[in-house]
Structure formats: C-alpha cells, structure tokens
Amino acid sequence: MSSTVIGPSYIRIDAAATDSLTSAGQVRSTQDKLALVIPTLREAENIAGLLDHVRAVLDPVGIGYEILVVDDDSQDGTEEIVSAIARQDPRVRLLVRHGQRGLSGAILYGWQNTDASILGVMDSDLQHPPELLPSLLASIGAGHDLAIGSRYIAGGRLGKWNPIRKFLSAAAVWITLPIQKAGMHAKDPMSGFFLVRRECVERVPFQRSGFKLLLEVLVRGRMRSIEEIPLAFGLRSRGASKASMKVGVDYGRLLLRLYASRLGLLRD
C-alpha cells in the first residue's frame, strides 16, 4: 500500500509574510501560519466564489495564511481560474497533479508543499462553510492539536440526507470506535473540514488513496487534545458529487489497514 510522509521541511514554498493572530492568547507562537488545502476535481463553477469567501473570512483573523488549491488535472477551466486569482494574490497557490486521483493524496500533496505550522483542509463544493474557520483556528490557538468541523455534535447538522445515507454514515462512524485512541474519540471522524498542527502528523506514513484522511490522522497522529466544532453541512448547489463505489472500497481498505495496525498485524 502506497503511503506519504509529511516531513518537517517543505518541497516548495512561495515567499509570504507570516503574521500572528491579533487577539492575545490566540496562538502559541508568533510564527504560526495556516496552510488550507482545497482539493478540486472539476469544480470550475465553485472555486472562484469559494476563494473569495475564504479570504474574506480569514483576512480579519490576522493570521498568516496561504490557500493551496490542489487540482487533479480537471481540464474544465479550474486551473485557469485559480491561476488568474493567484496572479493577483500570492497567498493563493495552484498545484496540479497529473495522472492521480484521490482526496487524501491531494491533501497530503498540498501539505508537503508548505512550511506552515497549521495544516488544514476543506471541500471545494461549497458544503463546508468558511465562516467556521475562525472557530477552528481559535480551537488550535487555545491549545488543541486537532480541530474538527463536526456534524455529529450538538449544533451540527447533516443536511437533507435521505435515511439510507444517514444510516450508512452512522455505521461508518460506529465501526471506527475501537481503533480511535482512548480519551480522544471524535464523533465525526469522517469529516473533511479540519485543522491539525503539523508537528502531530510529521513523519507519519499516511495512505495516499482514499477519501477519509481525518480517520487516519485520528488513529495515527500524535495529538494530545482534540476539539469538535459544530458544522452545519451544506448542500451542493453546483457541480457533481464525487461519491462512488470506489470511495466505499477505499474506505474499507483503510479500515482493514488501521485495524491490522492496531492489532499489531501490520508494520508500516
């Protein structure tokens, strides 16, 4: 099984100033910087508006940040749209992967291409509200190593899912409980909207294939404290869902790998 390691250094980084959060006690270090990865696959309809929205939310927070759009060679105009925005704002960067697919791999590729101390990810399909980013950053600043946008805690919502999808989602969460770490069980280990301190995932060999990186972060990362922030999951208004049978197969493979590792049957 192929894996990717997040190292202490970076592969490539554009020059950018690093600022601290303006409010006292918001960060543990004045050198904190956020790298937010937004993976894309045929999201030309959504990406420009999302980038505008994310920057409008992050600018008042006062933390140094960069947004890394990792595109899996969409060939639908996404690359051209992001490139045009990046020319105007160097905090926006485009990374294009050729001949590769998979959400986890795209996230890891983005994380490898930054030196930021806080690593994050959100979807490009407008289902993750950027307004949650300040709360996630505040959680990290308060001392938590991992902050998760959670649909399954009080105040969180799944959206207008049908009963079958809700049941499958609940079952997918339930089956992770035995492999999550004692005292740090997340109610939404399937979330695709989270921030984590880089030091907690350095040198961990993550699986590149699949769509559920957070679960592997929870099981294999070196967190001391996590917090879940209520997330009201939105509805996709444009573009097409990437859910498929392969997503389910990849999730099953990840579960088998994590269970085998927890039982000592697999060494990375």
Protein backbone atom coordinates (compact mmCIF):
# COMPACT_ATOMS: atom_id res chain seq x y z
CA MET A 1 0.00 0.00 0.00
CA SER A 2 1.49 3.35 -1.02
CA SER A 3 1.91 5.96 1.68
CA THR A 4 3.00 9.56 2.07
CA VAL A 5 5.06 11.05 4.88
CA ILE A 6 4.70 14.67 5.94
CA GLY A 7 8.19 15.85 6.78
CA PRO A 8 9.49 18.72 8.91
CA SER A 9 10.51 20.69 5.85
CA TYR A 10 8.71 21.54 2.64
CA ILE A 11 9.14 20.70 -1.04
CA ARG A 12 8.23 24.08 -2.46
CA ILE A 13 7.04 27.33 -0.95
CA ASP A 14 6.25 30.78 -2.34
CA ALA A 15 7.56 33.68 -0.26
CA ALA A 16 4.90 35.15 2.02
CA ALA A 17 4.90 37.10 5.26
CA THR A 18 3.85 35.25 8.39
CA ASP A 19 1.63 37.16 10.79
CA SER A 20 0.34 36.33 14.23
CA LEU A 21 -3.29 36.44 15.26
CA THR A 22 -4.27 39.82 16.60
CA SER A 23 -6.03 38.66 19.77
CA ALA A 24 -3.90 37.76 22.78
CA GLY A 25 -3.76 34.05 23.50
CA GLN A 26 -4.97 33.06 20.05
CA VAL A 27 -1.77 31.26 19.03
CA ARG A 28 1.03 29.54 20.87
CA SER A 29 3.71 31.01 18.60
CA THR A 30 4.06 34.26 16.67
CA GLN A 31 5.30 32.14 13.76
CA ASP A 32 2.04 30.22 13.30
CA LYS A 33 0.80 30.13 9.73
CA LEU A 34 -2.15 28.31 8.23
CA ALA A 35 -1.98 26.32 5.02
CA LEU A 36 -5.51 25.49 3.90
CA VAL A 37 -5.70 22.84 1.18
CA ILE A 38 -8.72 22.85 -1.12
CA PRO A 39 -8.68 19.74 -3.35
CA THR A 40 -10.52 20.15 -6.65
CA LEU A 41 -11.78 17.89 -9.39
CA ARG A 42 -13.99 19.61 -11.94
CA GLU A 43 -15.02 22.46 -9.62
CA ALA A 44 -14.70 25.38 -12.05
CA GLU A 45 -18.23 26.51 -11.19
CA ASN A 46 -17.43 26.82 -7.49
CA ILE A 47 -13.78 27.67 -6.98
CA ALA A 48 -13.65 31.43 -7.66
CA GLY A 49 -16.51 32.22 -5.30
CA LEU A 50 -15.11 29.90 -2.65
CA LEU A 51 -11.66 31.51 -2.76
CA ASP A 52 -13.19 34.95 -2.42
CA HIS A 53 -15.29 33.76 0.52
CA VAL A 54 -12.40 32.07 2.34
CA ARG A 55 -10.13 35.10 2.01
CA ALA A 56 -12.87 37.42 3.23
CA VAL A 57 -13.27 35.23 6.34
CA LEU A 58 -9.55 34.78 7.06
CA ASP A 59 -8.32 38.33 6.45
CA PRO A 60 -9.88 39.82 9.61
CA VAL A 61 -8.49 36.99 11.77
CA GLY A 62 -4.96 38.29 11.30
CA ILE A 63 -3.07 35.01 10.90
CA GLY A 64 -0.61 34.49 8.07
CA TYR A 65 -2.11 32.04 5.65
CA GLU A 66 -1.97 30.50 2.21
CA ILE A 67 -4.61 28.63 0.27
CA LEU A 68 -3.36 25.71 -1.77
CA VAL A 69 -5.73 24.56 -4.49
CA VAL A 70 -4.66 21.03 -5.43
CA ASP A 71 -6.32 20.14 -8.71
CA ASP A 72 -6.37 16.62 -10.14
CA ASP A 73 -5.99 17.83 -13.73
CA SER A 74 -9.66 18.75 -14.08
CA GLN A 75 -9.34 20.27 -17.55
CA ASP A 76 -12.59 22.15 -17.01
CA GLY A 77 -11.18 25.63 -16.52
CA THR A 78 -10.33 25.23 -12.83
CA GLU A 79 -6.60 25.66 -13.45
CA GLU A 80 -7.07 28.86 -15.45
CA ILE A 81 -9.45 30.38 -12.89
CA VAL A 82 -7.16 29.68 -9.94
CA SER A 83 -4.05 30.82 -11.85
CA ALA A 84 -5.70 34.17 -12.59
CA ILE A 85 -6.57 34.65 -8.91
CA ALA A 86 -3.08 33.59 -7.81
CA ARG A 87 -1.50 36.24 -10.03
CA GLN A 88 -3.45 38.85 -8.09
CA ASP A 89 -2.97 37.29 -4.63
CA PRO A 90 0.23 35.28 -3.93
CA ARG A 91 -1.43 33.72 -0.89
CA VAL A 92 -3.41 31.59 -3.36
CA ARG A 93 -1.36 28.84 -4.97
CA LEU A 94 -2.23 26.21 -7.56
CA LEU A 95 -0.77 22.71 -7.53
CA VAL A 96 -1.83 20.36 -10.35
CA ARG A 97 -1.47 16.60 -10.09
CA HIS A 98 -1.35 14.66 -13.33
CA GLY A 99 -2.46 11.04 -13.60
CA GLN A 100 -3.53 10.88 -9.96
CA ARG A 101 -6.89 10.82 -8.22
CA GLY A 102 -7.99 10.70 -4.60
CA LEU A 103 -8.86 13.22 -1.93
CA SER A 104 -6.34 12.03 0.67
CA GLY A 105 -3.49 12.10 -1.81
CA ALA A 106 -4.38 15.64 -2.90
CA ILE A 107 -4.46 16.85 0.71
CA LEU A 108 -1.12 15.24 1.51
CA TYR A 109 0.42 16.71 -1.64
CA GLY A 110 -0.65 20.17 -0.55
CA TRP A 111 0.66 19.67 2.99
CA GLN A 112 4.01 18.55 1.59
CA ASN A 113 4.28 21.78 -0.39
CA THR A 114 4.09 24.19 2.53
CA ASP A 115 6.09 25.08 5.61
CA ALA A 116 3.00 26.17 7.59
CA SER A 117 2.69 25.10 11.23
CA ILE A 118 -1.09 24.63 10.99
CA LEU A 119 -2.39 22.35 8.23
CA GLY A 120 -6.00 22.30 7.14
CA VAL A 121 -8.43 21.11 4.53
CA MET A 122 -11.92 21.94 3.34
CA ASP A 123 -14.03 20.79 0.41
CA SER A 124 -14.39 22.83 -2.76
CA ASP A 125 -18.07 22.05 -3.30
CA LEU A 126 -19.47 24.79 -1.01
CA GLN A 127 -20.72 22.27 1.58
CA HIS A 128 -18.19 23.44 4.19
CA PRO A 129 -18.95 26.98 5.44
CA PRO A 130 -15.77 29.15 5.51
CA GLU A 131 -17.31 31.02 8.46
CA LEU A 132 -16.24 28.07 10.63
CA LEU A 133 -12.53 28.72 10.01
CA PRO A 134 -12.07 31.34 12.79
CA SER A 135 -13.60 28.94 15.33
CA LEU A 136 -11.31 26.13 14.19
CA LEU A 137 -8.30 28.45 14.42
CA ALA A 138 -9.38 29.61 17.87
CA SER A 139 -9.52 25.97 18.98
CA ILE A 140 -5.96 25.38 17.80
CA GLY A 141 -4.88 28.63 19.44
CA ALA A 142 -6.45 27.50 22.72
CA GLY A 143 -4.07 24.54 22.77
CA HIS A 144 -5.87 21.77 20.90
CA ASP A 145 -3.79 19.88 18.36
CA LEU A 146 -6.72 18.99 16.12
CA ALA A 147 -9.92 20.97 15.47
CA ILE A 148 -12.72 19.25 13.55
CA GLY A 149 -15.81 20.65 11.89
CA SER A 150 -18.29 18.09 13.22
CA ARG A 151 -21.76 17.19 12.01
CA TYR A 152 -22.43 14.87 14.94
CA ILE A 153 -22.14 17.10 17.99
CA ALA A 154 -24.76 19.47 19.39
CA GLY A 155 -25.34 22.24 16.89
CA GLY A 156 -24.03 20.23 13.93
CA ARG A 157 -26.28 19.16 11.07
CA LEU A 158 -26.05 16.61 8.28
CA GLY A 159 -28.21 18.47 5.82
CA LYS A 160 -31.04 16.96 3.82
CA TRP A 161 -29.70 13.43 3.58
CA ASN A 162 -32.04 10.53 2.93
CA PRO A 163 -32.45 7.92 5.72
CA ILE A 164 -30.25 5.35 3.95
CA ARG A 165 -27.34 7.77 3.63
CA LYS A 166 -27.73 8.80 7.26
CA PHE A 167 -27.67 5.16 8.36
CA LEU A 168 -24.57 4.37 6.29
CA SER A 169 -22.80 7.44 7.65
CA ALA A 170 -23.64 6.49 11.25
CA ALA A 171 -22.44 2.93 10.64
CA ALA A 172 -19.19 4.19 9.12
CA VAL A 173 -18.57 6.25 12.27
CA TRP A 174 -19.52 3.44 14.68
CA ILE A 175 -17.06 0.99 13.16
CA THR A 176 -14.16 3.37 13.84
CA LEU A 177 -14.66 3.50 17.61
CA PRO A 178 -12.43 0.51 18.50
CA ILE A 179 -9.44 1.96 16.63
CA GLN A 180 -9.68 5.55 17.82
CA LYS A 181 -7.45 6.50 20.73
CA ALA A 182 -8.81 6.31 24.24
CA GLY A 183 -9.89 9.70 25.51
CA MET A 184 -9.84 11.24 22.05
CA HIS A 185 -12.83 9.70 20.30
CA ALA A 186 -14.19 12.01 17.62
CA LYS A 187 -17.89 11.86 16.93
CA ASP A 188 -17.27 12.79 13.28
CA PRO A 189 -14.07 11.01 12.17
CA MET A 190 -15.34 11.19 8.59
CA SER A 191 -15.26 15.00 8.45
CA GLY A 192 -13.42 16.63 5.57
CA PHE A 193 -13.09 20.00 7.32
CA PHE A 194 -10.37 20.17 9.96
CA LEU A 195 -7.12 21.80 11.10
CA VAL A 196 -4.16 20.00 12.68
CA ARG A 197 -0.79 21.07 13.99
CA ARG A 198 1.98 19.98 11.65
CA GLU A 199 4.07 18.56 14.49
CA CYS A 200 1.32 15.99 15.13
CA VAL A 201 1.49 14.45 11.66
CA GLU A 202 5.16 14.79 10.74
CA ARG A 203 6.79 11.55 9.61
CA VAL A 204 3.53 9.58 9.80
CA PRO A 205 3.14 7.32 6.73
CA PHE A 206 -0.36 8.15 5.56
CA GLN A 207 -2.24 6.22 2.88
CA ARG A 208 -2.47 8.28 -0.32
CA SER A 209 -5.53 6.59 -1.76
CA GLY A 210 -8.99 7.16 -0.37
CA PHE A 211 -11.15 9.97 0.92
CA LYS A 212 -11.01 9.72 4.74
CA LEU A 213 -7.70 11.20 5.83
CA LEU A 214 -9.07 12.50 9.14
CA LEU A 215 -9.68 8.99 10.42
CA GLU A 216 -6.05 8.09 9.78
CA VAL A 217 -4.92 11.33 11.44
CA LEU A 218 -7.00 10.42 14.50
CA VAL A 219 -5.62 6.89 14.69
CA ARG A 220 -2.01 7.52 13.73
CA GLY A 221 -1.34 11.15 14.59
CA ARG A 222 0.36 12.35 17.78
CA MET A 223 -2.40 14.55 19.19
CA ARG A 224 -2.70 15.33 22.87
CA SER A 225 -6.03 17.11 22.61
CA ILE A 226 -8.80 17.42 20.03
CA GLU A 227 -11.95 19.51 19.82
CA GLU A 228 -15.01 19.27 17.60
CA ILE A 229 -16.78 22.44 16.45
CA PRO A 230 -20.41 22.23 15.26
CA LEU A 231 -20.67 22.08 11.46
CA ALA A 232 -23.89 22.60 9.56
CA PHE A 233 -23.23 20.59 6.42
CA GLY A 234 -24.42 22.46 3.35
CA LEU A 235 -25.97 21.29 0.10
CA ARG A 236 -24.06 21.19 -3.15
CA SER A 237 -25.65 23.70 -5.50
CA ARG A 238 -23.33 23.30 -8.47
CA GLY A 239 -21.03 20.61 -9.82
CA ALA A 240 -21.30 16.87 -9.31
CA SER A 241 -20.71 14.70 -6.25
CA LYS A 242 -17.52 12.62 -6.28
CA ALA A 243 -19.07 9.79 -4.22
CA SER A 244 -18.71 6.41 -5.89
CA MET A 245 -18.31 2.71 -5.20
CA LYS A 246 -14.53 3.26 -5.22
CA VAL A 247 -14.89 5.63 -2.26
CA GLY A 248 -16.51 2.83 -0.27
CA VAL A 249 -13.87 0.30 -1.34
CA ASP A 250 -11.04 2.66 -0.38
CA TYR A 251 -12.66 3.26 3.00
CA GLY A 252 -12.90 -0.48 3.60
CA ARG A 253 -9.22 -0.92 2.74
CA LEU A 254 -8.27 1.90 5.10
CA LEU A 255 -10.27 0.33 7.93
CA LEU A 256 -8.59 -3.03 7.39
CA ARG A 257 -5.17 -1.40 7.43
CA LEU A 258 -5.88 0.57 10.59
CA TYR A 259 -7.38 -2.43 12.40
CA ALA A 260 -4.42 -4.58 11.38
CA SER A 261 -2.00 -1.91 12.61
CA ARG A 262 -3.83 -1.55 15.94
CA LEU A 263 -3.77 -5.34 16.44
CA GLY A 264 -0.06 -5.48 15.64
CA LEU A 265 -0.59 -7.42 12.43
CA LEU A 266 0.84 -4.71 10.20
CA ARG A 267 4.02 -2.69 10.45
CA ASP A 268 4.48 0.48 8.36
